[in-house]
Amino acid sequence: MPEYNYKCGECFVAFKQEHGMREKIEECPSCKSIHSLVRLPSNFLLNKNDKEDKPGDLVKRSIEEFRKDLIEEKKSLKEEHYE
């Protein structure tokens, strides 16, 4: 279920609430006022750091590490002597 941020217009308490997309929360859990809640925008974009990995960077790193491991494994197999 998605989590939404709310703030009460009466007591100004901010809180998070999990509920379905079509559900509406109308009562403040703190002061119990009705129809005073305002849904706040999600802050998931505010935490984005451009220096962090972009989608696919982890996959590229994993492939590169696997490639290095594969080269090492091939070298070790070539050096083995079979009887």
PDB file of N, CA and C in Angstrom:
ATOM      1  N   MET A   1       0.832  -1.180   0.000  1.00  0.00           N
ATOM      2  CA  MET A   1       0.000   0.000   0.000  1.00  0.00           C
ATOM      3  C   MET A   1       0.878   1.245   0.000  1.00  0.00           C
ATOM      4  N   PRO A   2       0.448   2.270  -0.704  1.00  0.00           N
ATOM      5  CA  PRO A   2       1.222   3.507  -0.715  1.00  0.00           C
ATOM      6  C   PRO A   2       1.118   4.250   0.615  1.00  0.00           C
ATOM      7  N   GLU A   3       2.142   5.013   0.889  1.00  0.00           N
ATOM      8  CA  GLU A   3       2.175   5.818   2.105  1.00  0.00           C
ATOM      9  C   GLU A   3       2.053   7.286   1.712  1.00  0.00           C
ATOM     10  N   TYR A   4       1.178   8.014   2.388  1.00  0.00           N
ATOM     11  CA  TYR A   4       0.921   9.413   2.073  1.00  0.00           C
ATOM     12  C   TYR A   4       1.258  10.294   3.269  1.00  0.00           C
ATOM     13  N   ASN A   5       1.686  11.499   2.990  1.00  0.00           N
ATOM     14  CA  ASN A   5       1.989  12.489   4.022  1.00  0.00           C
ATOM     15  C   ASN A   5       0.812  13.446   4.150  1.00  0.00           C
ATOM     16  N   TYR A   6       0.427  13.724   5.388  1.00  0.00           N
ATOM     17  CA  TYR A   6      -0.681  14.633   5.660  1.00  0.00           C
ATOM     18  C   TYR A   6      -0.276  15.656   6.700  1.00  0.00           C
ATOM     19  N   LYS A   7      -0.995  16.780   6.696  1.00  0.00           N
ATOM     20  CA  LYS A   7      -0.843  17.789   7.743  1.00  0.00           C
ATOM     21  C   LYS A   7      -2.235  18.302   8.087  1.00  0.00           C
ATOM     22  N   CYS A   8      -2.478  18.438   9.362  1.00  0.00           N
ATOM     23  CA  CYS A   8      -3.778  18.911   9.823  1.00  0.00           C
ATOM     24  C   CYS A   8      -3.800  20.430   9.796  1.00  0.00           C
ATOM     25  N   GLY A   9      -4.878  21.016   9.277  1.00  0.00           N
ATOM     26  CA  GLY A   9      -5.029  22.458   9.234  1.00  0.00           C
ATOM     27  C   GLY A   9      -5.456  23.058  10.562  1.00  0.00           C
ATOM     28  N   GLU A  10      -5.892  22.213  11.494  1.00  0.00           N
ATOM     29  CA  GLU A  10      -6.329  22.690  12.817  1.00  0.00           C
ATOM     30  C   GLU A  10      -5.185  22.663  13.826  1.00  0.00           C
ATOM     31  N   CYS A  11      -4.557  21.496  13.992  1.00  0.00           N
ATOM     32  CA  CYS A  11      -3.510  21.369  15.018  1.00  0.00           C
ATOM     33  C   CYS A  11      -2.101  21.380  14.412  1.00  0.00           C
ATOM     34  N   PHE A  12      -1.998  21.401  13.080  1.00  0.00           N
ATOM     35  CA  PHE A  12      -0.736  21.487  12.338  1.00  0.00           C
ATOM     36  C   PHE A  12       0.201  20.292  12.560  1.00  0.00           C
ATOM     37  N   VAL A  13      -0.335  19.175  12.985  1.00  0.00           N
ATOM     38  CA  VAL A  13       0.451  17.956  13.146  1.00  0.00           C
ATOM     39  C   VAL A  13       0.618  17.305  11.773  1.00  0.00           C
ATOM     40  N   ALA A  14       1.845  16.922  11.455  1.00  0.00           N
ATOM     41  CA  ALA A  14       2.129  16.211  10.206  1.00  0.00           C
ATOM     42  C   ALA A  14       2.305  14.736  10.529  1.00  0.00           C
ATOM     43  N   PHE A  15       1.809  13.873   9.640  1.00  0.00           N
ATOM     44  CA  PHE A  15       1.926  12.436   9.862  1.00  0.00           C
ATOM     45  C   PHE A  15       1.873  11.704   8.534  1.00  0.00           C
ATOM     46  N   LYS A  16       2.267  10.444   8.571  1.00  0.00           N
ATOM     47  CA  LYS A  16       2.209   9.577   7.395  1.00  0.00           C
ATOM     48  C   LYS A  16       1.134   8.536   7.624  1.00  0.00           C
ATOM     49  N   GLN A  17       0.460   8.172   6.545  1.00  0.00           N
ATOM     50  CA  GLN A  17      -0.613   7.196   6.652  1.00  0.00           C
ATOM     51  C   GLN A  17      -0.565   6.284   5.433  1.00  0.00           C
ATOM     52  N   GLU A  18      -0.598   4.981   5.672  1.00  0.00           N
ATOM     53  CA  GLU A  18      -0.693   4.009   4.579  1.00  0.00           C
ATOM     54  C   GLU A  18      -2.157   3.736   4.296  1.00  0.00           C
ATOM     55  N   HIS A  19      -2.520   3.828   3.021  1.00  0.00           N
ATOM     56  CA  HIS A  19      -3.883   3.477   2.628  1.00  0.00           C
ATOM     57  C   HIS A  19      -3.936   3.314   1.121  1.00  0.00           C
ATOM     58  N   GLY A  20      -5.020   2.740   0.641  1.00  0.00           N
ATOM     59  CA  GLY A  20      -5.202   2.540  -0.790  1.00  0.00           C
ATOM     60  C   GLY A  20      -5.339   3.862  -1.522  1.00  0.00           C
ATOM     61  N   MET A  21      -5.101   3.830  -2.824  1.00  0.00           N
ATOM     62  CA  MET A  21      -5.140   5.047  -3.624  1.00  0.00           C
ATOM     63  C   MET A  21      -6.515   5.701  -3.633  1.00  0.00           C
ATOM     64  N   ARG A  22      -7.548   4.910  -3.552  1.00  0.00           N
ATOM     65  CA  ARG A  22      -8.911   5.455  -3.635  1.00  0.00           C
ATOM     66  C   ARG A  22      -9.492   5.819  -2.270  1.00  0.00           C
ATOM     67  N   GLU A  23      -8.806   5.446  -1.196  1.00  0.00           N
ATOM     68  CA  GLU A  23      -9.292   5.773   0.138  1.00  0.00           C
ATOM     69  C   GLU A  23      -8.989   7.232   0.463  1.00  0.00           C
ATOM     70  N   LYS A  24      -9.842   7.834   1.268  1.00  0.00           N
ATOM     71  CA  LYS A  24      -9.621   9.216   1.716  1.00  0.00           C
ATOM     72  C   LYS A  24      -9.609   9.232   3.232  1.00  0.00           C
ATOM     73  N   ILE A  25      -8.615   9.896   3.779  1.00  0.00           N
ATOM     74  CA  ILE A  25      -8.527  10.071   5.224  1.00  0.00           C
ATOM     75  C   ILE A  25      -9.133  11.440   5.530  1.00  0.00           C
ATOM     76  N   GLU A  26     -10.107  11.471   6.404  1.00  0.00           N
ATOM     77  CA  GLU A  26     -10.796  12.728   6.687  1.00  0.00           C
ATOM     78  C   GLU A  26     -10.629  13.194   8.123  1.00  0.00           C
ATOM     79  N   GLU A  27     -10.253  12.288   9.030  1.00  0.00           N
ATOM     80  CA  GLU A  27     -10.159  12.655  10.444  1.00  0.00           C
ATOM     81  C   GLU A  27      -8.712  12.685  10.897  1.00  0.00           C
ATOM     82  N   CYS A  28      -8.332  13.760  11.552  1.00  0.00           N
ATOM     83  CA  CYS A  28      -6.976  13.902  12.088  1.00  0.00           C
ATOM     84  C   CYS A  28      -6.823  12.952  13.280  1.00  0.00           C
ATOM     85  N   PRO A  29      -5.776  12.122  13.284  1.00  0.00           N
ATOM     86  CA  PRO A  29      -5.600  11.193  14.404  1.00  0.00           C
ATOM     87  C   PRO A  29      -5.199  11.909  15.705  1.00  0.00           C
ATOM     88  N   SER A  30      -4.722  13.130  15.602  1.00  0.00           N
ATOM     89  CA  SER A  30      -4.275  13.863  16.788  1.00  0.00           C
ATOM     90  C   SER A  30      -5.419  14.634  17.456  1.00  0.00           C
ATOM     91  N   CYS A  31      -6.072  15.519  16.695  1.00  0.00           N
ATOM     92  CA  CYS A  31      -7.122  16.369  17.295  1.00  0.00           C
ATOM     93  C   CYS A  31      -8.532  15.927  16.914  1.00  0.00           C
ATOM     94  N   LYS A  32      -8.645  14.924  16.075  1.00  0.00           N
ATOM     95  CA  LYS A  32      -9.942  14.347  15.659  1.00  0.00           C
ATOM     96  C   LYS A  32     -10.812  15.298  14.838  1.00  0.00           C
ATOM     97  N   SER A  33     -10.243  16.393  14.326  1.00  0.00           N
ATOM     98  CA  SER A  33     -11.046  17.296  13.497  1.00  0.00           C
ATOM     99  C   SER A  33     -11.319  16.630  12.146  1.00  0.00           C
ATOM    100  N   ILE A  34     -12.451  16.975  11.571  1.00  0.00           N
ATOM    101  CA  ILE A  34     -12.894  16.378  10.311  1.00  0.00           C
ATOM    102  C   ILE A  34     -12.661  17.366   9.175  1.00  0.00           C
ATOM    103  N   HIS A  35     -12.255  16.864   8.021  1.00  0.00           N
ATOM    104  CA  HIS A  35     -12.053  17.647   6.790  1.00  0.00           C
ATOM    105  C   HIS A  35     -10.985  18.741   6.925  1.00  0.00           C
ATOM    106  N   SER A  36     -10.038  18.573   7.812  1.00  0.00           N
ATOM    107  CA  SER A  36      -8.996  19.590   7.965  1.00  0.00           C
ATOM    108  C   SER A  36      -7.632  19.110   7.461  1.00  0.00           C
ATOM    109  N   LEU A  37      -7.588  17.898   6.912  1.00  0.00           N
ATOM    110  CA  LEU A  37      -6.310  17.334   6.471  1.00  0.00           C
ATOM    111  C   LEU A  37      -5.952  17.794   5.064  1.00  0.00           C
ATOM    112  N   VAL A  38      -4.685  18.053   4.886  1.00  0.00           N
ATOM    113  CA  VAL A  38      -4.145  18.412   3.573  1.00  0.00           C
ATOM    114  C   VAL A  38      -3.079  17.386   3.238  1.00  0.00           C
ATOM    115  N   ARG A  39      -3.209  16.772   2.062  1.00  0.00           N
ATOM    116  CA  ARG A  39      -2.189  15.806   1.651  1.00  0.00           C
ATOM    117  C   ARG A  39      -0.990  16.571   1.120  1.00  0.00           C
ATOM    118  N   LEU A  40       0.186  16.256   1.662  1.00  0.00           N
ATOM    119  CA  LEU A  40       1.420  16.920   1.273  1.00  0.00           C
ATOM    120  C   LEU A  40       2.094  16.156   0.147  1.00  0.00           C
ATOM    121  N   PRO A  41       2.855  16.853  -0.697  1.00  0.00           N
ATOM    122  CA  PRO A  41       3.571  16.156  -1.753  1.00  0.00           C
ATOM    123  C   PRO A  41       4.626  15.220  -1.167  1.00  0.00           C
ATOM    124  N   SER A  42       4.835  14.144  -1.856  1.00  0.00           N
ATOM    125  CA  SER A  42       5.847  13.176  -1.444  1.00  0.00           C
ATOM    126  C   SER A  42       7.224  13.786  -1.655  1.00  0.00           C
ATOM    127  N   ASN A  43       8.176  13.465  -0.795  1.00  0.00           N
ATOM    128  CA  ASN A  43       9.503  14.054  -0.912  1.00  0.00           C
ATOM    129  C   ASN A  43      10.526  13.111  -1.533  1.00  0.00           C
ATOM    130  N   PHE A  44      10.083  12.115  -2.303  1.00  0.00           N
ATOM    131  CA  PHE A  44      11.026  11.151  -2.850  1.00  0.00           C
ATOM    132  C   PHE A  44      12.009  11.788  -3.816  1.00  0.00           C
ATOM    133  N   LEU A  45      11.648  12.842  -4.511  1.00  0.00           N
ATOM    134  CA  LEU A  45      12.569  13.498  -5.432  1.00  0.00           C
ATOM    135  C   LEU A  45      13.533  14.433  -4.708  1.00  0.00           C
ATOM    136  N   LEU A  46      13.160  14.889  -3.533  1.00  0.00           N
ATOM    137  CA  LEU A  46      14.025  15.799  -2.798  1.00  0.00           C
ATOM    138  C   LEU A  46      15.276  15.097  -2.287  1.00  0.00           C
ATOM    139  N   ASN A  47      15.199  13.797  -2.111  1.00  0.00           N
ATOM    140  CA  ASN A  47      16.330  13.036  -1.593  1.00  0.00           C
ATOM    141  C   ASN A  47      17.258  12.546  -2.694  1.00  0.00           C
ATOM    142  N   LYS A  48      16.943  12.842  -3.939  1.00  0.00           N
ATOM    143  CA  LYS A  48      17.738  12.339  -5.049  1.00  0.00           C
ATOM    144  C   LYS A  48      19.081  13.051  -5.096  1.00  0.00           C
ATOM    145  N   ASN A  49      20.111  12.268  -5.230  1.00  0.00           N
ATOM    146  CA  ASN A  49      21.460  12.797  -5.342  1.00  0.00           C
ATOM    147  C   ASN A  49      21.975  12.418  -6.729  1.00  0.00           C
ATOM    148  N   ASP A  50      22.345  13.415  -7.544  1.00  0.00           N
ATOM    149  CA  ASP A  50      22.784  13.140  -8.905  1.00  0.00           C
ATOM    150  C   ASP A  50      24.048  12.295  -8.950  1.00  0.00           C
ATOM    151  N   LYS A  51      24.796  12.268  -7.859  1.00  0.00           N
ATOM    152  CA  LYS A  51      26.021  11.487  -7.833  1.00  0.00           C
ATOM    153  C   LYS A  51      25.750  10.012  -7.562  1.00  0.00           C
ATOM    154  N   GLU A  52      24.546   9.682  -7.162  1.00  0.00           N
ATOM    155  CA  GLU A  52      24.203   8.288  -6.905  1.00  0.00           C
ATOM    156  C   GLU A  52      24.076   7.533  -8.222  1.00  0.00           C
ATOM    157  N   ASP A  53      24.000   6.233  -8.092  1.00  0.00           N
ATOM    158  CA  ASP A  53      23.883   5.381  -9.270  1.00  0.00           C
ATOM    159  C   ASP A  53      22.611   5.669 -10.039  1.00  0.00           C
ATOM    160  N   LYS A  54      22.737   5.635 -11.327  1.00  0.00           N
ATOM    161  CA  LYS A  54      21.575   5.736 -12.192  1.00  0.00           C
ATOM    162  C   LYS A  54      21.097   4.320 -12.481  1.00  0.00           C
ATOM    163  N   PRO A  55      19.861   4.165 -12.925  1.00  0.00           N
ATOM    164  CA  PRO A  55      19.391   2.822 -13.252  1.00  0.00           C
ATOM    165  C   PRO A  55      20.321   2.177 -14.269  1.00  0.00           C
ATOM    166  N   GLY A  56      20.698   0.979 -14.008  1.00  0.00           N
ATOM    167  CA  GLY A  56      21.576   0.251 -14.915  1.00  0.00           C
ATOM    168  C   GLY A  56      23.035   0.274 -14.487  1.00  0.00           C
ATOM    169  N   ASP A  57      23.437   1.232 -13.627  1.00  0.00           N
ATOM    170  CA  ASP A  57      24.832   1.286 -13.193  1.00  0.00           C
ATOM    171  C   ASP A  57      25.211   0.047 -12.390  1.00  0.00           C
ATOM    172  N   LEU A  58      24.320  -0.407 -11.522  1.00  0.00           N
ATOM    173  CA  LEU A  58      24.586  -1.606 -10.742  1.00  0.00           C
ATOM    174  C   LEU A  58      24.736  -2.811 -11.658  1.00  0.00           C
ATOM    175  N   VAL A  59      23.891  -2.901 -12.671  1.00  0.00           N
ATOM    176  CA  VAL A  59      23.966  -4.010 -13.619  1.00  0.00           C
ATOM    177  C   VAL A  59      25.286  -3.958 -14.377  1.00  0.00           C
ATOM    178  N   LYS A  60      25.668  -2.762 -14.825  1.00  0.00           N
ATOM    179  CA  LYS A  60      26.936  -2.615 -15.554  1.00  0.00           C
ATOM    180  C   LYS A  60      28.117  -3.012 -14.682  1.00  0.00           C
ATOM    181  N   ARG A  61      28.105  -2.593 -13.412  1.00  0.00           N
ATOM    182  CA  ARG A  61      29.196  -2.962 -12.502  1.00  0.00           C
ATOM    183  C   ARG A  61      29.235  -4.465 -12.280  1.00  0.00           C
ATOM    184  N   SER A  62      28.077  -5.071 -12.112  1.00  0.00           N
ATOM    185  CA  SER A  62      28.015  -6.519 -11.899  1.00  0.00           C
ATOM    186  C   SER A  62      28.538  -7.272 -13.112  1.00  0.00           C
ATOM    187  N   ILE A  63      28.167  -6.813 -14.297  1.00  0.00           N
ATOM    188  CA  ILE A  63      28.651  -7.461 -15.523  1.00  0.00           C
ATOM    189  C   ILE A  63      30.163  -7.320 -15.619  1.00  0.00           C
ATOM    190  N   GLU A  64      30.684  -6.151 -15.314  1.00  0.00           N
ATOM    191  CA  GLU A  64      32.131  -5.936 -15.380  1.00  0.00           C
ATOM    192  C   GLU A  64      32.862  -6.821 -14.367  1.00  0.00           C
ATOM    193  N   GLU A  65      32.332  -6.933 -13.154  1.00  0.00           N
ATOM    194  CA  GLU A  65      32.943  -7.801 -12.150  1.00  0.00           C
ATOM    195  C   GLU A  65      32.898  -9.254 -12.591  1.00  0.00           C
ATOM    196  N   PHE A  66      31.783  -9.679 -13.161  1.00  0.00           N
ATOM    197  CA  PHE A  66      31.658 -11.050 -13.656  1.00  0.00           C
ATOM    198  C   PHE A  66      32.655 -11.295 -14.783  1.00  0.00           C
ATOM    199  N   ARG A  67      32.810 -10.304 -15.653  1.00  0.00           N
ATOM    200  CA  ARG A  67      33.749 -10.426 -16.763  1.00  0.00           C
ATOM    201  C   ARG A  67      35.177 -10.626 -16.236  1.00  0.00           C
ATOM    202  N   LYS A  68      35.562  -9.859 -15.216  1.00  0.00           N
ATOM    203  CA  LYS A  68      36.895 -10.006 -14.615  1.00  0.00           C
ATOM    204  C   LYS A  68      37.058 -11.378 -13.981  1.00  0.00           C
ATOM    205  N   ASP A  69      36.022 -11.828 -13.254  1.00  0.00           N
ATOM    206  CA  ASP A  69      36.076 -13.156 -12.643  1.00  0.00           C
ATOM    207  C   ASP A  69      36.195 -14.244 -13.703  1.00  0.00           C
ATOM    208  N   LEU A  70      35.499 -14.077 -14.808  1.00  0.00           N
ATOM    209  CA  LEU A  70      35.533 -15.055 -15.885  1.00  0.00           C
ATOM    210  C   LEU A  70      36.927 -15.142 -16.508  1.00  0.00           C
ATOM    211  N   ILE A  71      37.558 -13.990 -16.700  1.00  0.00           N
ATOM    212  CA  ILE A  71      38.921 -13.961 -17.257  1.00  0.00           C
ATOM    213  C   ILE A  71      39.880 -14.683 -16.309  1.00  0.00           C
ATOM    214  N   GLU A  72      39.774 -14.421 -15.026  1.00  0.00           N
ATOM    215  CA  GLU A  72      40.629 -15.090 -14.048  1.00  0.00           C
ATOM    216  C   GLU A  72      40.382 -16.593 -14.034  1.00  0.00           C
ATOM    217  N   GLU A  73      39.136 -16.990 -14.112  1.00  0.00           N
ATOM    218  CA  GLU A  73      38.793 -18.414 -14.118  1.00  0.00           C
ATOM    219  C   GLU A  73      39.354 -19.103 -15.366  1.00  0.00           C
ATOM    220  N   LYS A  74      39.265 -18.444 -16.513  1.00  0.00           N
ATOM    221  CA  LYS A  74      39.830 -19.009 -17.753  1.00  0.00           C
ATOM    222  C   LYS A  74      41.336 -19.181 -17.626  1.00  0.00           C
ATOM    223  N   LYS A  75      42.010 -18.191 -17.037  1.00  0.00           N
ATOM    224  CA  LYS A  75      43.456 -18.283 -16.851  1.00  0.00           C
ATOM    225  C   LYS A  75      43.812 -19.468 -15.963  1.00  0.00           C
ATOM    226  N   SER A  76      43.070 -19.618 -14.872  1.00  0.00           N
ATOM    227  CA  SER A  76      43.378 -20.720 -13.956  1.00  0.00           C
ATOM    228  C   SER A  76      43.103 -22.070 -14.604  1.00  0.00           C
ATOM    229  N   LEU A  77      42.079 -22.149 -15.445  1.00  0.00           N
ATOM    230  CA  LEU A  77      41.782 -23.417 -16.125  1.00  0.00           C
ATOM    231  C   LEU A  77      42.842 -23.749 -17.182  1.00  0.00           C
ATOM    232  N   LYS A  78      43.379 -22.743 -17.843  1.00  0.00           N
ATOM    233  CA  LYS A  78      44.422 -22.984 -18.843  1.00  0.00           C
ATOM    234  C   LYS A  78      45.695 -23.499 -18.194  1.00  0.00           C
ATOM    235  N   GLU A  79      45.958 -23.105 -16.967  1.00  0.00           N
ATOM    236  CA  GLU A  79      47.164 -23.499 -16.271  1.00  0.00           C
ATOM    237  C   GLU A  79      47.050 -24.886 -15.641  1.00  0.00           C
ATOM    238  N   GLU A  80      45.840 -25.424 -15.547  1.00  0.00           N
ATOM    239  CA  GLU A  80      45.653 -26.751 -14.957  1.00  0.00           C
ATOM    240  C   GLU A  80      46.139 -27.825 -15.915  1.00  0.00           C
ATOM    241  N   HIS A  81      46.700 -28.886 -15.353  1.00  0.00           N
ATOM    242  CA  HIS A  81      47.157 -30.016 -16.166  1.00  0.00           C
ATOM    243  C   HIS A  81      46.224 -31.191 -15.884  1.00  0.00           C
ATOM    244  N   TYR A  82      45.686 -31.725 -16.947  1.00  0.00           N
ATOM    245  CA  TYR A  82      44.788 -32.862 -16.826  1.00  0.00           C
ATOM    246  C   TYR A  82      45.540 -34.128 -17.200  1.00  0.00           C
ATOM    247  N   GLU A  83      45.248 -35.212 -16.553  1.00  0.00           N
ATOM    248  CA  GLU A  83      45.891 -36.475 -16.884  1.00  0.00           C
ATOM    249  C   GLU A  83      44.924 -37.411 -17.533  1.00  0.00           C
TER     250      GLU A  83
END
